Amino acid sequence: MPVTEASKSIRKLLLHDKPFILLQIISQNDGRLYPAMISKKIDCSYAYVVKLIKLMDKIGLTTSDGNKHKKIISLTQKGKKIFKLLSEL
């Protein structure tokens, strides 16, 4: 199977600690979860968390609902499947 640019970026993103922990936090919290709350839980800057969430939104792992200041983050079906597979490793 040929390796595409999208699959390279997904591998590069998810094989680091913080993005995996971000997926874990989102999967464990059903309901209202904001980027500021995530940044406190994983001990990262707010800007880094927002950057990760935007990238994960772009590749279809998360969705962000709400207005500009209060975005509620949740996993998509694809995000849940990827998290499950990664957590089994």
PDB file of N, CA and C in Angstrom:
ATOM      1  N   MET A   1       0.849  -1.169   0.000  1.00  0.00           N
ATOM      2  CA  MET A   1       0.000   0.000   0.000  1.00  0.00           C
ATOM      3  C   MET A   1       0.899   1.238   0.000  1.00  0.00           C
ATOM      4  N   PRO A   2       0.664   2.171  -0.919  1.00  0.00           N
ATOM      5  CA  PRO A   2       1.506   3.371  -0.969  1.00  0.00           C
ATOM      6  C   PRO A   2       1.262   4.280   0.230  1.00  0.00           C
ATOM      7  N   VAL A   3       2.332   4.923   0.662  1.00  0.00           N
ATOM      8  CA  VAL A   3       2.254   5.840   1.796  1.00  0.00           C
ATOM      9  C   VAL A   3       1.942   7.234   1.263  1.00  0.00           C
ATOM     10  N   THR A   4       0.831   7.797   1.705  1.00  0.00           N
ATOM     11  CA  THR A   4       0.442   9.131   1.262  1.00  0.00           C
ATOM     12  C   THR A   4       0.934  10.174   2.254  1.00  0.00           C
ATOM     13  N   GLU A   5       0.875  11.426   1.842  1.00  0.00           N
ATOM     14  CA  GLU A   5       1.285  12.522   2.729  1.00  0.00           C
ATOM     15  C   GLU A   5       0.399  12.584   3.965  1.00  0.00           C
ATOM     16  N   ALA A   6      -0.897  12.309   3.791  1.00  0.00           N
ATOM     17  CA  ALA A   6      -1.829  12.346   4.930  1.00  0.00           C
ATOM     18  C   ALA A   6      -1.468  11.281   5.957  1.00  0.00           C
ATOM     19  N   SER A   7      -1.157  10.073   5.508  1.00  0.00           N
ATOM     20  CA  SER A   7      -0.809   9.019   6.458  1.00  0.00           C
ATOM     21  C   SER A   7       0.517   9.306   7.149  1.00  0.00           C
ATOM     22  N   LYS A   8       1.452   9.954   6.450  1.00  0.00           N
ATOM     23  CA  LYS A   8       2.713  10.337   7.086  1.00  0.00           C
ATOM     24  C   LYS A   8       2.468  11.356   8.191  1.00  0.00           C
ATOM     25  N   SER A   9       1.601  12.334   7.930  1.00  0.00           N
ATOM     26  CA  SER A   9       1.345  13.364   8.938  1.00  0.00           C
ATOM     27  C   SER A   9       0.594  12.788  10.129  1.00  0.00           C
ATOM     28  N   ILE A  10      -0.307  11.848   9.890  1.00  0.00           N
ATOM     29  CA  ILE A  10      -1.028  11.210  10.998  1.00  0.00           C
ATOM     30  C   ILE A  10      -0.051  10.434  11.866  1.00  0.00           C
ATOM     31  N   ARG A  11       0.830   9.669  11.256  1.00  0.00           N
ATOM     32  CA  ARG A  11       1.827   8.916  12.025  1.00  0.00           C
ATOM     33  C   ARG A  11       2.727   9.853  12.816  1.00  0.00           C
ATOM     34  N   LYS A  12       3.187  10.898  12.164  1.00  0.00           N
ATOM     35  CA  LYS A  12       4.079  11.860  12.829  1.00  0.00           C
ATOM     36  C   LYS A  12       3.383  12.511  14.019  1.00  0.00           C
ATOM     37  N   LEU A  13       2.098  12.807  13.876  1.00  0.00           N
ATOM     38  CA  LEU A  13       1.334  13.441  14.947  1.00  0.00           C
ATOM     39  C   LEU A  13       1.095  12.485  16.107  1.00  0.00           C
ATOM     40  N   LEU A  14       0.600  11.312  15.837  1.00  0.00           N
ATOM     41  CA  LEU A  14       0.112  10.433  16.896  1.00  0.00           C
ATOM     42  C   LEU A  14       1.191   9.602  17.582  1.00  0.00           C
ATOM     43  N   LEU A  15       2.389   9.593  17.084  1.00  0.00           N
ATOM     44  CA  LEU A  15       3.436   8.815  17.734  1.00  0.00           C
ATOM     45  C   LEU A  15       4.226   9.632  18.753  1.00  0.00           C
ATOM     46  N   HIS A  16       3.634  10.710  19.227  1.00  0.00           N
ATOM     47  CA  HIS A  16       4.204  11.517  20.314  1.00  0.00           C
ATOM     48  C   HIS A  16       3.299  11.384  21.532  1.00  0.00           C
ATOM     49  N   ASP A  17       3.838  11.673  22.709  1.00  0.00           N
ATOM     50  CA  ASP A  17       3.090  11.501  23.953  1.00  0.00           C
ATOM     51  C   ASP A  17       1.888  12.420  24.075  1.00  0.00           C
ATOM     52  N   LYS A  18       2.078  13.701  23.885  1.00  0.00           N
ATOM     53  CA  LYS A  18       1.008  14.675  24.147  1.00  0.00           C
ATOM     54  C   LYS A  18      -0.218  14.480  23.253  1.00  0.00           C
ATOM     55  N   PRO A  19      -0.069  14.240  21.951  1.00  0.00           N
ATOM     56  CA  PRO A  19      -1.272  14.004  21.146  1.00  0.00           C
ATOM     57  C   PRO A  19      -2.054  12.771  21.592  1.00  0.00           C
ATOM     58  N   PHE A  20      -1.335  11.712  21.988  1.00  0.00           N
ATOM     59  CA  PHE A  20      -2.032  10.520  22.481  1.00  0.00           C
ATOM     60  C   PHE A  20      -2.755  10.829  23.787  1.00  0.00           C
ATOM     61  N   ILE A  21      -2.099  11.546  24.690  1.00  0.00           N
ATOM     62  CA  ILE A  21      -2.733  11.915  25.957  1.00  0.00           C
ATOM     63  C   ILE A  21      -3.937  12.817  25.702  1.00  0.00           C
ATOM     64  N   LEU A  22      -3.831  13.690  24.721  1.00  0.00           N
ATOM     65  CA  LEU A  22      -4.958  14.546  24.347  1.00  0.00           C
ATOM     66  C   LEU A  22      -6.152  13.697  23.918  1.00  0.00           C
ATOM     67  N   LEU A  23      -5.916  12.704  23.066  1.00  0.00           N
ATOM     68  CA  LEU A  23      -6.999  11.797  22.658  1.00  0.00           C
ATOM     69  C   LEU A  23      -7.572  11.055  23.862  1.00  0.00           C
ATOM     70  N   GLN A  24      -6.718  10.643  24.771  1.00  0.00           N
ATOM     71  CA  GLN A  24      -7.156   9.926  25.968  1.00  0.00           C
ATOM     72  C   GLN A  24      -8.049  10.801  26.838  1.00  0.00           C
ATOM     73  N   ILE A  25      -7.657  12.036  27.065  1.00  0.00           N
ATOM     74  CA  ILE A  25      -8.443  12.959  27.883  1.00  0.00           C
ATOM     75  C   ILE A  25      -9.803  13.204  27.241  1.00  0.00           C
ATOM     76  N   ILE A  26      -9.814  13.421  25.930  1.00  0.00           N
ATOM     77  CA  ILE A  26     -11.073  13.667  25.236  1.00  0.00           C
ATOM     78  C   ILE A  26     -11.974  12.442  25.303  1.00  0.00           C
ATOM     79  N   SER A  27     -11.414  11.252  25.145  1.00  0.00           N
ATOM     80  CA  SER A  27     -12.230  10.034  25.165  1.00  0.00           C
ATOM     81  C   SER A  27     -12.798   9.740  26.554  1.00  0.00           C
ATOM     82  N   GLN A  28     -12.100  10.140  27.606  1.00  0.00           N
ATOM     83  CA  GLN A  28     -12.553   9.874  28.965  1.00  0.00           C
ATOM     84  C   GLN A  28     -13.595  10.867  29.453  1.00  0.00           C
ATOM     85  N   ASN A  29     -13.694  12.010  28.806  1.00  0.00           N
ATOM     86  CA  ASN A  29     -14.595  13.060  29.265  1.00  0.00           C
ATOM     87  C   ASN A  29     -15.740  13.248  28.289  1.00  0.00           C
ATOM     88  N   ASP A  30     -16.870  12.693  28.620  1.00  0.00           N
ATOM     89  CA  ASP A  30     -18.063  12.938  27.827  1.00  0.00           C
ATOM     90  C   ASP A  30     -18.691  14.222  28.347  1.00  0.00           C
ATOM     91  N   GLY A  31     -19.075  15.076  27.447  1.00  0.00           N
ATOM     92  CA  GLY A  31     -19.678  16.326  27.872  1.00  0.00           C
ATOM     93  C   GLY A  31     -18.818  17.506  27.501  1.00  0.00           C
ATOM     94  N   ARG A  32     -18.824  18.507  28.321  1.00  0.00           N
ATOM     95  CA  ARG A  32     -18.136  19.759  28.007  1.00  0.00           C
ATOM     96  C   ARG A  32     -16.649  19.679  28.331  1.00  0.00           C
ATOM     97  N   LEU A  33     -15.854  19.749  27.304  1.00  0.00           N
ATOM     98  CA  LEU A  33     -14.409  19.729  27.446  1.00  0.00           C
ATOM     99  C   LEU A  33     -13.833  20.824  26.557  1.00  0.00           C
ATOM    100  N   TYR A  34     -13.199  21.800  27.176  1.00  0.00           N
ATOM    101  CA  TYR A  34     -12.670  22.957  26.473  1.00  0.00           C
ATOM    102  C   TYR A  34     -11.152  22.850  26.341  1.00  0.00           C
ATOM    103  N   PRO A  35     -10.562  23.516  25.350  1.00  0.00           N
ATOM    104  CA  PRO A  35      -9.099  23.484  25.200  1.00  0.00           C
ATOM    105  C   PRO A  35      -8.344  23.936  26.456  1.00  0.00           C
ATOM    106  N   ALA A  36      -8.866  24.926  27.164  1.00  0.00           N
ATOM    107  CA  ALA A  36      -8.191  25.385  28.383  1.00  0.00           C
ATOM    108  C   ALA A  36      -8.156  24.278  29.437  1.00  0.00           C
ATOM    109  N   MET A  37      -9.230  23.529  29.546  1.00  0.00           N
ATOM    110  CA  MET A  37      -9.272  22.416  30.505  1.00  0.00           C
ATOM    111  C   MET A  37      -8.270  21.333  30.103  1.00  0.00           C
ATOM    112  N   ILE A  38      -8.190  21.062  28.818  1.00  0.00           N
ATOM    113  CA  ILE A  38      -7.262  20.046  28.327  1.00  0.00           C
ATOM    114  C   ILE A  38      -5.825  20.471  28.593  1.00  0.00           C
ATOM    115  N   SER A  39      -5.516  21.738  28.344  1.00  0.00           N
ATOM    116  CA  SER A  39      -4.141  22.201  28.544  1.00  0.00           C
ATOM    117  C   SER A  39      -3.715  22.071  30.002  1.00  0.00           C
ATOM    118  N   LYS A  40      -4.628  22.286  30.933  1.00  0.00           N
ATOM    119  CA  LYS A  40      -4.311  22.112  32.352  1.00  0.00           C
ATOM    120  C   LYS A  40      -4.102  20.644  32.692  1.00  0.00           C
ATOM    121  N   LYS A  41      -4.926  19.772  32.115  1.00  0.00           N
ATOM    122  CA  LYS A  41      -4.830  18.341  32.427  1.00  0.00           C
ATOM    123  C   LYS A  41      -3.576  17.692  31.879  1.00  0.00           C
ATOM    124  N   ILE A  42      -3.121  18.119  30.708  1.00  0.00           N
ATOM    125  CA  ILE A  42      -1.939  17.487  30.126  1.00  0.00           C
ATOM    126  C   ILE A  42      -0.669  18.322  30.286  1.00  0.00           C
ATOM    127  N   ASP A  43      -0.777  19.418  31.012  1.00  0.00           N
ATOM    128  CA  ASP A  43       0.364  20.276  31.322  1.00  0.00           C
ATOM    129  C   ASP A  43       1.094  20.752  30.064  1.00  0.00           C
ATOM    130  N   CYS A  44       0.294  21.348  29.174  1.00  0.00           N
ATOM    131  CA  CYS A  44       0.814  21.942  27.939  1.00  0.00           C
ATOM    132  C   CYS A  44       0.272  23.349  27.823  1.00  0.00           C
ATOM    133  N   SER A  45       0.891  24.124  26.966  1.00  0.00           N
ATOM    134  CA  SER A  45       0.377  25.468  26.751  1.00  0.00           C
ATOM    135  C   SER A  45      -0.956  25.399  26.004  1.00  0.00           C
ATOM    136  N   TYR A  46      -1.752  26.406  26.229  1.00  0.00           N
ATOM    137  CA  TYR A  46      -3.046  26.502  25.568  1.00  0.00           C
ATOM    138  C   TYR A  46      -2.855  26.560  24.055  1.00  0.00           C
ATOM    139  N   ALA A  47      -1.859  27.307  23.596  1.00  0.00           N
ATOM    140  CA  ALA A  47      -1.603  27.451  22.164  1.00  0.00           C
ATOM    141  C   ALA A  47      -1.264  26.110  21.514  1.00  0.00           C
ATOM    142  N   TYR A  48      -0.479  25.290  22.202  1.00  0.00           N
ATOM    143  CA  TYR A  48      -0.107  23.976  21.665  1.00  0.00           C
ATOM    144  C   TYR A  48      -1.335  23.072  21.575  1.00  0.00           C
ATOM    145  N   VAL A  49      -2.183  23.104  22.593  1.00  0.00           N
ATOM    146  CA  VAL A  49      -3.396  22.284  22.585  1.00  0.00           C
ATOM    147  C   VAL A  49      -4.317  22.709  21.449  1.00  0.00           C
ATOM    148  N   VAL A  50      -4.482  24.004  21.260  1.00  0.00           N
ATOM    149  CA  VAL A  50      -5.334  24.501  20.168  1.00  0.00           C
ATOM    150  C   VAL A  50      -4.761  24.069  18.814  1.00  0.00           C
ATOM    151  N   LYS A  51      -3.441  24.129  18.679  1.00  0.00           N
ATOM    152  CA  LYS A  51      -2.793  23.699  17.436  1.00  0.00           C
ATOM    153  C   LYS A  51      -3.048  22.216  17.175  1.00  0.00           C
ATOM    154  N   LEU A  52      -2.913  21.386  18.217  1.00  0.00           N
ATOM    155  CA  LEU A  52      -3.178  19.956  18.066  1.00  0.00           C
ATOM    156  C   LEU A  52      -4.635  19.695  17.706  1.00  0.00           C
ATOM    157  N   ILE A  53      -5.548  20.392  18.362  1.00  0.00           N
ATOM    158  CA  ILE A  53      -6.970  20.197  18.097  1.00  0.00           C
ATOM    159  C   ILE A  53      -7.311  20.597  16.664  1.00  0.00           C
ATOM    160  N   LYS A  54      -6.745  21.700  16.191  1.00  0.00           N
ATOM    161  CA  LYS A  54      -6.992  22.118  14.801  1.00  0.00           C
ATOM    162  C   LYS A  54      -6.488  21.065  13.826  1.00  0.00           C
ATOM    163  N   LEU A  55      -5.314  20.508  14.099  1.00  0.00           N
ATOM    164  CA  LEU A  55      -4.755  19.474  13.233  1.00  0.00           C
ATOM    165  C   LEU A  55      -5.612  18.208  13.282  1.00  0.00           C
ATOM    166  N   MET A  56      -6.058  17.838  14.468  1.00  0.00           N
ATOM    167  CA  MET A  56      -6.909  16.649  14.603  1.00  0.00           C
ATOM    168  C   MET A  56      -8.280  16.869  13.966  1.00  0.00           C
ATOM    169  N   ASP A  57      -8.788  18.087  14.033  1.00  0.00           N
ATOM    170  CA  ASP A  57     -10.035  18.422  13.326  1.00  0.00           C
ATOM    171  C   ASP A  57      -9.845  18.258  11.821  1.00  0.00           C
ATOM    172  N   LYS A  58      -8.720  18.727  11.333  1.00  0.00           N
ATOM    173  CA  LYS A  58      -8.433  18.694   9.901  1.00  0.00           C
ATOM    174  C   LYS A  58      -8.359  17.265   9.366  1.00  0.00           C
ATOM    175  N   ILE A  59      -7.793  16.349  10.150  1.00  0.00           N
ATOM    176  CA  ILE A  59      -7.678  14.964   9.679  1.00  0.00           C
ATOM    177  C   ILE A  59      -8.849  14.095  10.121  1.00  0.00           C
ATOM    178  N   GLY A  60      -9.813  14.705  10.797  1.00  0.00           N
ATOM    179  CA  GLY A  60     -11.054  14.008  11.100  1.00  0.00           C
ATOM    180  C   GLY A  60     -11.084  13.196  12.384  1.00  0.00           C
ATOM    181  N   LEU A  61     -10.195  13.485  13.339  1.00  0.00           N
ATOM    182  CA  LEU A  61     -10.187  12.737  14.598  1.00  0.00           C
ATOM    183  C   LEU A  61     -11.063  13.384  15.665  1.00  0.00           C
ATOM    184  N   THR A  62     -11.196  14.701  15.618  1.00  0.00           N
ATOM    185  CA  THR A  62     -11.997  15.409  16.605  1.00  0.00           C
ATOM    186  C   THR A  62     -12.954  16.370  15.904  1.00  0.00           C
ATOM    187  N   THR A  63     -13.932  16.826  16.674  1.00  0.00           N
ATOM    188  CA  THR A  63     -14.805  17.893  16.207  1.00  0.00           C
ATOM    189  C   THR A  63     -14.824  18.972  17.275  1.00  0.00           C
ATOM    190  N   SER A  64     -14.970  20.197  16.826  1.00  0.00           N
ATOM    191  CA  SER A  64     -15.030  21.336  17.740  1.00  0.00           C
ATOM    192  C   SER A  64     -16.343  22.059  17.500  1.00  0.00           C
ATOM    193  N   ASP A  65     -17.195  22.074  18.500  1.00  0.00           N
ATOM    194  CA  ASP A  65     -18.481  22.751  18.400  1.00  0.00           C
ATOM    195  C   ASP A  65     -18.483  23.942  19.341  1.00  0.00           C
ATOM    196  N   GLY A  66     -19.186  24.967  18.964  1.00  0.00           N
ATOM    197  CA  GLY A  66     -19.291  26.144  19.816  1.00  0.00           C
ATOM    198  C   GLY A  66     -18.790  27.378  19.101  1.00  0.00           C
ATOM    199  N   ASN A  67     -18.710  28.464  19.849  1.00  0.00           N
ATOM    200  CA  ASN A  67     -18.250  29.715  19.251  1.00  0.00           C
ATOM    201  C   ASN A  67     -16.732  29.836  19.342  1.00  0.00           C
ATOM    202  N   LYS A  68     -16.225  30.975  18.974  1.00  0.00           N
ATOM    203  CA  LYS A  68     -14.773  31.189  18.920  1.00  0.00           C
ATOM    204  C   LYS A  68     -14.103  31.047  20.282  1.00  0.00           C
ATOM    205  N   HIS A  69     -14.780  31.445  21.349  1.00  0.00           N
ATOM    206  CA  HIS A  69     -14.160  31.456  22.675  1.00  0.00           C
ATOM    207  C   HIS A  69     -14.408  30.191  23.490  1.00  0.00           C
ATOM    208  N   LYS A  70     -15.517  29.509  23.239  1.00  0.00           N
ATOM    209  CA  LYS A  70     -15.837  28.301  24.000  1.00  0.00           C
ATOM    210  C   LYS A  70     -16.130  27.156  23.049  1.00  0.00           C
ATOM    211  N   LYS A  71     -15.094  26.414  22.688  1.00  0.00           N
ATOM    212  CA  LYS A  71     -15.257  25.275  21.800  1.00  0.00           C
ATOM    213  C   LYS A  71     -15.328  24.004  22.624  1.00  0.00           C
ATOM    214  N   ILE A  72     -16.312  23.190  22.325  1.00  0.00           N
ATOM    215  CA  ILE A  72     -16.462  21.903  22.986  1.00  0.00           C
ATOM    216  C   ILE A  72     -15.829  20.850  22.073  1.00  0.00           C
ATOM    217  N   ILE A  73     -14.876  20.114  22.604  1.00  0.00           N
ATOM    218  CA  ILE A  73     -14.101  19.166  21.822  1.00  0.00           C
ATOM    219  C   ILE A  73     -14.629  17.757  22.067  1.00  0.00           C
ATOM    220  N   SER A  74     -14.784  16.979  20.996  1.00  0.00           N
ATOM    221  CA  SER A  74     -15.177  15.577  21.129  1.00  0.00           C
ATOM    222  C   SER A  74     -14.519  14.764  20.018  1.00  0.00           C
ATOM    223  N   LEU A  75     -14.445  13.456  20.238  1.00  0.00           N
ATOM    224  CA  LEU A  75     -13.852  12.564  19.246  1.00  0.00           C
ATOM    225  C   LEU A  75     -14.896  12.155  18.216  1.00  0.00           C
ATOM    226  N   THR A  76     -14.461  12.012  16.986  1.00  0.00           N
ATOM    227  CA  THR A  76     -15.312  11.455  15.945  1.00  0.00           C
ATOM    228  C   THR A  76     -15.233   9.930  16.038  1.00  0.00           C
ATOM    229  N   GLN A  77     -16.002   9.249  15.212  1.00  0.00           N
ATOM    230  CA  GLN A  77     -15.916   7.783  15.187  1.00  0.00           C
ATOM    231  C   GLN A  77     -14.515   7.340  14.775  1.00  0.00           C
ATOM    232  N   LYS A  78     -13.945   8.043  13.812  1.00  0.00           N
ATOM    233  CA  LYS A  78     -12.582   7.741  13.373  1.00  0.00           C
ATOM    234  C   LYS A  78     -11.595   7.961  14.519  1.00  0.00           C
ATOM    235  N   GLY A  79     -11.779   9.040  15.277  1.00  0.00           N
ATOM    236  CA  GLY A  79     -10.911   9.333  16.412  1.00  0.00           C
ATOM    237  C   GLY A  79     -11.007   8.275  17.497  1.00  0.00           C
ATOM    238  N   LYS A  80     -12.226   7.799  17.757  1.00  0.00           N
ATOM    239  CA  LYS A  80     -12.419   6.741  18.752  1.00  0.00           C
ATOM    240  C   LYS A  80     -11.727   5.461  18.309  1.00  0.00           C
ATOM    241  N   LYS A  81     -11.848   5.140  17.022  1.00  0.00           N
ATOM    242  CA  LYS A  81     -11.230   3.923  16.498  1.00  0.00           C
ATOM    243  C   LYS A  81      -9.707   4.011  16.577  1.00  0.00           C
ATOM    244  N   ILE A  82      -9.155   5.162  16.181  1.00  0.00           N
ATOM    245  CA  ILE A  82      -7.693   5.356  16.236  1.00  0.00           C
ATOM    246  C   ILE A  82      -7.200   5.281  17.683  1.00  0.00           C
ATOM    247  N   PHE A  83      -7.918   5.919  18.604  1.00  0.00           N
ATOM    248  CA  PHE A  83      -7.519   5.891  20.013  1.00  0.00           C
ATOM    249  C   PHE A  83      -7.545   4.473  20.538  1.00  0.00           C
ATOM    250  N   LYS A  84      -8.576   3.719  20.212  1.00  0.00           N
ATOM    251  CA  LYS A  84      -8.677   2.337  20.663  1.00  0.00           C
ATOM    252  C   LYS A  84      -7.500   1.508  20.152  1.00  0.00           C
ATOM    253  N   LEU A  85      -7.184   1.669  18.884  1.00  0.00           N
ATOM    254  CA  LEU A  85      -6.058   0.927  18.301  1.00  0.00           C
ATOM    255  C   LEU A  85      -4.721   1.326  18.941  1.00  0.00           C
ATOM    256  N   LEU A  86      -4.529   2.607  19.157  1.00  0.00           N
ATOM    257  CA  LEU A  86      -3.285   3.075  19.780  1.00  0.00           C
ATOM    258  C   LEU A  86      -3.147   2.627  21.225  1.00  0.00           C
ATOM    259  N   SER A  87      -4.265   2.597  21.937  1.00  0.00           N
ATOM    260  CA  SER A  87      -4.192   2.207  23.349  1.00  0.00           C
ATOM    261  C   SER A  87      -3.929   0.712  23.498  1.00  0.00           C
ATOM    262  N   GLU A  88      -4.208  -0.073  22.468  1.00  0.00           N
ATOM    263  CA  GLU A  88      -3.925  -1.499  22.514  1.00  0.00           C
ATOM    264  C   GLU A  88      -2.464  -1.825  22.246  1.00  0.00           C
ATOM    265  N   LEU A  89      -1.700  -0.855  21.743  1.00  0.00           N
ATOM    266  CA  LEU A  89      -0.273  -1.082  21.446  1.00  0.00           C
ATOM    267  C   LEU A  89       0.546  -1.224  22.698  1.00  0.00           C
TER     268      LEU A  89
END
